[in-house]
C-alpha cells in the first residue's frame, strides 16, 4: 500500500497531538527546572482534570469548554495542597526519597480513580466532537485545532511570563540559586509553590480541551507522563522551549511511525529514540538554554 498520500494527514495529526504533549511537558520541565524534583504523578493530575470534565458533562450536562472554569482552579488547588503536604517536606530529602514520594502519589491517585470510576474507558461529548475541517486532502478535528492553538499560546505565554515579568524573574532566580535568591529578598518557598501550581495548573487547562477527542481512564495520566519524560529528555531537562520543540517532534514521530507500522509498534520507535538519546546525548538537543 502506498503510504505517501497519507503522510500529510499523519504529519498534521502528529503536530496537533505534539502541541498537547508540549504543554504537558512544559509543566513537567518547569517543575523540575525550579524545584529539581522529578514528578512521576504529573500526568495523573491531567487524569483528574479529565475526570472532573467527565463528571461535569455526565452530571450537569456541561460542555467541556465551559467546565474549564471549574477544572482549572480545582486542579491548581489540588497542586497547592500536594505541594504543602508532600512536595515541600521532601524538597531537601535524598533524590530517591523524592522519587518514592511522587511515584507513591501516582499509584495512590490512580487507585483512587480506579475505585471511584472503575477501569471503564469513558468519552466526553462536546459540540465540537464531530466537527471536522478539510485543508486540501487533510481532515482535522476542530476540537484538536482548538486544543493545539491553546497549548501553543499557553506555552509561549508561560515563556514570556518567566522572562518578562518580575515574578517570573524571581522564579528563575529561585531555580538558579536558592541561597543567592534568599539573600536578594526572594521568598523562595513561595516561588516554589507558584512554579508547582503553574506546572500542574496547566494540566487543568489542557484537560477540558483534549476531553472531546481523548478517552478518560485511570491510567491515561501514566501514558502522558511517560511521553512527557521522553519529550523533556529530548528537549533537555529544564529547558522550556526545548520541551515545546520536543513535543512537536515526538507527536510527528508517533503519527508517522503509526502510519508506517500500522500502529502496532509506533511507540517502540518513540522509546527507541528515548533510549538512544539517553545513551549518546543525555543532555538533550537544547542543553545550552534553560528556564
Protein backbone atom coordinates (compact mmCIF):
# COMPACT_ATOMS: atom_id res chain seq x y z
CA UNK A 1 0.00 0.00 0.00
CA UNK A 2 1.29 3.44 -0.95
CA UNK A 3 1.69 5.44 2.26
CA UNK A 4 2.75 8.70 0.62
CA UNK A 5 -0.77 10.14 0.12
CA UNK A 6 -1.48 9.54 3.83
CA UNK A 7 1.72 11.23 5.02
CA UNK A 8 0.30 14.82 5.17
CA UNK A 9 -2.60 13.58 7.31
CA UNK A 10 -0.20 11.79 9.67
CA UNK A 11 2.04 14.85 9.96
CA UNK A 12 -0.95 17.11 10.67
CA UNK A 13 -2.26 14.73 13.34
CA UNK A 14 1.23 14.49 14.84
CA UNK A 15 1.65 18.26 15.04
CA UNK A 16 -1.72 18.69 16.71
CA UNK A 17 -1.04 15.96 19.27
CA UNK A 18 2.52 17.19 19.67
CA UNK A 19 1.28 20.55 20.88
CA UNK A 20 -0.64 18.77 23.65
CA UNK A 21 2.49 16.81 24.56
CA UNK A 22 4.32 20.13 24.63
CA UNK A 23 2.07 21.80 27.21
CA UNK A 24 2.13 18.68 29.42
CA UNK A 25 5.93 18.53 29.12
CA UNK A 26 6.34 22.24 29.78
CA UNK A 27 4.61 21.78 33.11
CA UNK A 28 6.90 18.86 33.94
CA UNK A 29 10.09 20.64 32.93
CA UNK A 30 9.01 23.76 34.85
CA UNK A 31 8.58 21.68 37.99
CA UNK A 32 11.96 20.04 37.55
CA UNK A 33 13.72 23.23 36.45
CA UNK A 34 12.63 25.13 39.54
CA UNK A 35 12.15 22.53 42.29
CA UNK A 36 14.66 19.94 40.97
CA UNK A 37 12.09 17.23 41.66
CA UNK A 38 11.03 14.64 39.07
CA UNK A 39 7.26 14.39 39.46
CA UNK A 40 6.06 10.92 38.45
CA UNK A 41 2.49 11.91 39.37
CA UNK A 42 2.46 14.77 36.86
CA UNK A 43 0.18 13.11 34.31
CA UNK A 44 -2.21 11.85 36.97
CA UNK A 45 -3.32 15.43 37.59
CA UNK A 46 -4.27 15.52 33.91
CA UNK A 47 -6.37 12.40 34.50
CA UNK A 48 -8.03 14.16 37.46
CA UNK A 49 -8.84 17.11 35.21
CA UNK A 50 -10.31 14.75 32.60
CA UNK A 51 -12.48 13.04 35.21
CA UNK A 52 -13.70 16.40 36.54
CA UNK A 53 -14.60 17.33 32.97
CA UNK A 54 -16.35 13.98 32.53
CA UNK A 55 -18.36 14.44 35.74
CA UNK A 56 -19.39 17.93 34.67
CA UNK A 57 -20.68 16.56 31.37
CA UNK A 58 -22.38 13.49 32.87
CA UNK A 59 -23.97 15.01 35.98
CA UNK A 60 -24.71 18.55 34.85
CA UNK A 61 -24.55 18.40 31.06
CA UNK A 62 -21.77 20.97 30.98
CA UNK A 63 -19.77 21.16 27.76
CA UNK A 64 -16.04 20.50 28.33
CA UNK A 65 -15.12 24.01 27.23
CA UNK A 66 -17.38 25.53 29.89
CA UNK A 67 -16.09 23.15 32.56
CA UNK A 68 -12.69 24.80 32.14
CA UNK A 69 -13.91 27.50 34.54
CA UNK A 70 -14.11 24.94 37.37
CA UNK A 71 -11.48 22.37 36.37
CA UNK A 72 -8.55 24.80 36.15
CA UNK A 73 -8.89 26.23 39.71
CA UNK A 74 -9.70 22.81 41.22
CA UNK A 75 -6.62 21.15 39.73
CA UNK A 76 -4.50 24.13 40.78
CA UNK A 77 -5.83 23.92 44.33
CA UNK A 78 -5.02 20.20 44.31
CA UNK A 79 -1.49 21.09 43.23
CA UNK A 80 -1.13 23.60 46.08
CA UNK A 81 -2.36 21.03 48.61
CA UNK A 82 0.04 18.41 47.21
CA UNK A 83 2.98 20.79 47.41
CA UNK A 84 2.27 21.76 51.02
CA UNK A 85 1.67 18.20 52.26
CA UNK A 86 4.10 16.11 50.19
CA UNK A 87 6.50 18.04 47.97
CA UNK A 88 7.71 20.73 50.38
CA UNK A 89 8.62 18.22 53.15
CA UNK A 90 10.57 16.16 50.58
CA UNK A 91 12.40 19.10 49.00
CA UNK A 92 15.63 18.56 50.95
CA UNK A 93 15.38 14.79 51.16
CA UNK A 94 17.65 12.49 49.11
CA UNK A 95 16.64 12.10 45.46
CA UNK A 96 15.49 8.50 45.88
CA UNK A 97 13.12 9.63 48.65
CA UNK A 98 11.65 12.27 46.34
CA UNK A 99 11.14 9.67 43.62
CA UNK A 100 9.36 7.35 46.04
CA UNK A 101 7.08 10.19 47.19
CA UNK A 102 5.94 11.21 43.70
CA UNK A 103 5.75 7.62 42.45
CA UNK A 104 3.71 6.66 45.51
CA UNK A 105 1.42 9.64 44.93
CA UNK A 106 0.91 8.48 41.34
CA UNK A 107 -0.08 5.00 42.46
CA UNK A 108 -2.44 6.40 45.11
CA UNK A 109 -4.17 8.73 42.66
CA UNK A 110 -4.56 6.01 40.04
CA UNK A 111 -6.04 3.55 42.52
CA UNK A 112 -8.42 6.16 43.96
CA UNK A 113 -9.67 6.90 40.44
CA UNK A 114 -9.94 3.16 39.82
CA UNK A 115 -12.10 2.71 42.93
CA UNK A 116 -14.30 5.72 42.18
CA UNK A 117 -14.73 5.26 38.43
CA UNK A 118 -13.72 1.60 37.78
CA UNK A 119 -11.46 0.69 34.88
CA UNK A 120 -14.07 1.55 32.24
CA UNK A 121 -13.00 3.89 29.48
CA UNK A 122 -15.19 6.97 29.09
CA UNK A 123 -15.63 9.65 26.46
CA UNK A 124 -16.80 13.22 26.96
CA UNK A 125 -19.35 14.55 24.46
CA UNK A 126 -18.98 18.07 23.13
CA UNK A 127 -20.50 20.25 20.42
CA UNK A 128 -17.05 20.22 18.79
CA UNK A 129 -16.52 16.45 18.86
CA UNK A 130 -17.94 15.76 15.40
CA UNK A 131 -16.81 18.93 13.64
CA UNK A 132 -14.08 18.44 11.07
CA UNK A 133 -12.39 20.87 8.70
CA UNK A 134 -10.65 19.95 5.46
CA UNK A 135 -7.49 21.63 4.24
CA UNK A 136 -6.56 20.15 0.90
CA UNK A 137 -6.62 16.40 1.48
CA UNK A 138 -6.13 16.68 5.24
CA UNK A 139 -9.05 16.30 7.64
CA UNK A 140 -8.65 17.74 11.12
CA UNK A 141 -10.99 17.82 14.12
CA UNK A 142 -11.93 21.32 15.20
CA UNK A 143 -11.50 20.24 18.84
CA UNK A 144 -7.93 19.17 18.12
CA UNK A 145 -7.20 22.51 16.45
CA UNK A 146 -8.57 24.42 19.44
CA UNK A 147 -6.50 22.32 21.87
CA UNK A 148 -3.38 22.75 19.74
CA UNK A 149 -3.70 26.52 19.40
CA UNK A 150 -4.47 26.94 23.10
CA UNK A 151 -1.49 24.75 24.06
CA UNK A 152 0.97 26.71 21.93
CA UNK A 153 -0.40 30.04 23.18
CA UNK A 154 -0.12 28.91 26.81
CA UNK A 155 3.44 27.62 26.26
CA UNK A 156 4.53 30.92 24.73
CA UNK A 157 2.66 32.91 27.41
CA UNK A 158 4.42 30.98 30.18
CA UNK A 159 7.77 31.57 28.49
CA UNK A 160 7.01 35.30 28.32
CA UNK A 161 5.86 35.27 31.94
CA UNK A 162 9.10 33.68 33.13
CA UNK A 163 11.35 36.00 31.16
CA UNK A 164 9.49 39.32 31.11
CA UNK A 165 7.77 39.74 34.47
CA UNK A 166 9.15 40.42 37.93
CA UNK A 167 7.52 37.30 39.38
CA UNK A 168 8.89 35.22 36.54
CA UNK A 169 12.40 36.51 37.15
CA UNK A 170 12.02 35.68 40.85
CA UNK A 171 11.02 32.11 39.95
CA UNK A 172 14.07 31.81 37.69
CA UNK A 173 16.31 33.23 40.40
CA UNK A 174 15.00 30.67 42.89
CA UNK A 175 15.64 27.94 40.32
CA UNK A 176 19.21 29.02 39.57
CA UNK A 177 20.50 29.63 43.09
CA UNK A 178 18.27 29.26 46.15
CA UNK A 179 20.72 30.85 48.61
CA UNK A 180 21.52 33.84 46.39
CA UNK A 181 17.79 34.40 45.80
CA UNK A 182 17.15 34.33 49.55
CA UNK A 183 19.85 36.93 50.14
CA UNK A 184 18.24 39.15 47.49
CA UNK A 185 14.92 39.06 49.32
CA UNK A 186 13.13 36.46 47.17
CA UNK A 187 10.57 34.34 49.01
CA UNK A 188 11.92 31.08 47.60
CA UNK A 189 9.32 28.80 49.16
CA UNK A 190 6.56 30.94 47.69
CA UNK A 191 8.22 30.81 44.26
CA UNK A 192 8.48 27.02 44.52
CA UNK A 193 4.79 26.80 45.36
CA UNK A 194 3.89 29.12 42.49
CA UNK A 195 6.01 27.18 39.98
CA UNK A 196 4.49 23.87 41.07
CA UNK A 197 0.96 25.25 40.82
CA UNK A 198 1.65 26.68 37.36
CA UNK A 199 3.16 23.41 36.17
CA UNK A 200 0.22 21.34 37.42
CA UNK A 201 -2.38 24.03 36.75
CA UNK A 202 -1.53 23.94 33.05
CA UNK A 203 -2.91 20.38 33.08
CA UNK A 204 -6.18 21.70 34.48
CA UNK A 205 -6.29 23.95 31.43
CA UNK A 206 -5.47 21.32 28.85
CA UNK A 207 -7.73 18.55 30.25
CA UNK A 208 -11.09 20.09 29.16
CA UNK A 209 -9.55 20.99 25.80
CA UNK A 210 -8.49 17.43 24.94
CA UNK A 211 -11.54 15.75 26.54
CA UNK A 212 -13.65 15.92 23.32
CA UNK A 213 -11.15 13.74 21.41
CA UNK A 214 -9.35 11.81 24.15
CA UNK A 215 -10.52 8.90 26.28
CA UNK A 216 -10.81 9.07 30.07
CA UNK A 217 -9.49 6.26 32.27
CA UNK A 218 -7.46 5.91 35.50
CA UNK A 219 -4.29 5.07 33.56
CA UNK A 220 -4.45 7.82 30.96
CA UNK A 221 -2.19 10.05 33.03
CA UNK A 222 0.62 7.49 33.07
CA UNK A 223 0.84 7.43 29.27
CA UNK A 224 1.11 11.21 29.19
CA UNK A 225 3.73 11.15 31.96
CA UNK A 226 5.91 8.68 30.05
CA UNK A 227 5.60 10.70 26.85
CA UNK A 228 6.35 13.91 28.75
CA UNK A 229 9.55 12.38 30.14
CA UNK A 230 10.65 11.46 26.62
CA UNK A 231 9.86 14.97 25.37
CA UNK A 232 11.70 16.59 28.29
CA UNK A 233 14.80 14.42 27.79
CA UNK A 234 14.70 15.10 24.06
CA UNK A 235 14.41 18.86 24.58
CA UNK A 236 16.82 18.92 27.56
CA UNK A 237 15.66 18.68 31.18
CA UNK A 238 14.71 22.11 32.49
CA UNK A 239 14.65 23.71 29.02
CA UNK A 240 11.33 25.43 28.43
CA UNK A 241 11.45 25.94 24.67
CA UNK A 242 13.14 22.56 24.25
CA UNK A 243 10.03 20.92 25.70
CA UNK A 244 7.88 22.80 23.18
CA UNK A 245 10.04 21.66 20.25
CA UNK A 246 10.33 18.14 21.64
CA UNK A 247 6.56 17.83 21.91
CA UNK A 248 6.11 18.52 18.21
CA UNK A 249 8.91 16.11 17.29
CA UNK A 250 7.51 13.23 19.34
CA UNK A 251 3.98 13.90 18.11
CA UNK A 252 5.08 13.66 14.48
CA UNK A 253 7.29 10.62 15.15
CA UNK A 254 4.36 8.78 16.79
CA UNK A 255 1.93 9.66 14.00
CA UNK A 256 4.26 8.86 11.11
CA UNK A 257 5.53 5.76 12.92
CA UNK A 258 1.95 4.60 13.35
CA UNK A 259 1.36 5.10 9.63
CA UNK A 260 4.44 3.12 8.64
CA UNK A 261 3.90 0.28 11.12
CA UNK A 262 0.12 0.13 11.05
CA UNK A 263 0.01 1.41 14.62
CA UNK A 264 1.37 -1.85 16.01
CA UNK A 265 4.83 -0.74 17.16
CA UNK A 266 4.76 3.05 16.75
CA UNK A 267 5.50 3.53 20.47
CA UNK A 268 8.55 1.30 20.11
CA UNK A 269 10.03 3.91 17.77
CA UNK A 270 9.39 6.66 20.32
CA UNK A 271 11.00 4.73 23.17
CA UNK A 272 13.91 3.72 20.93
CA UNK A 273 14.60 7.43 20.32
CA UNK A 274 14.40 7.99 24.08
CA UNK A 275 16.96 5.25 24.79
CA UNK A 276 19.31 6.45 22.06
CA UNK A 277 19.30 9.98 23.49
CA UNK A 278 19.95 8.64 26.99
CA UNK A 279 22.90 6.64 25.65
CA UNK A 280 24.51 9.11 23.27
CA UNK A 281 23.17 12.58 24.11
CA UNK A 282 21.68 12.54 27.63
CA UNK A 283 21.82 16.34 27.85
CA UNK A 284 19.23 16.57 25.06
CA UNK A 285 19.11 18.66 21.90
CA UNK A 286 18.91 22.09 23.56
CA UNK A 287 21.19 21.74 26.57
CA UNK A 288 22.55 25.31 26.36
CA UNK A 289 19.33 27.13 27.19
CA UNK A 290 17.34 26.61 30.37
CA UNK A 291 14.44 28.30 32.16
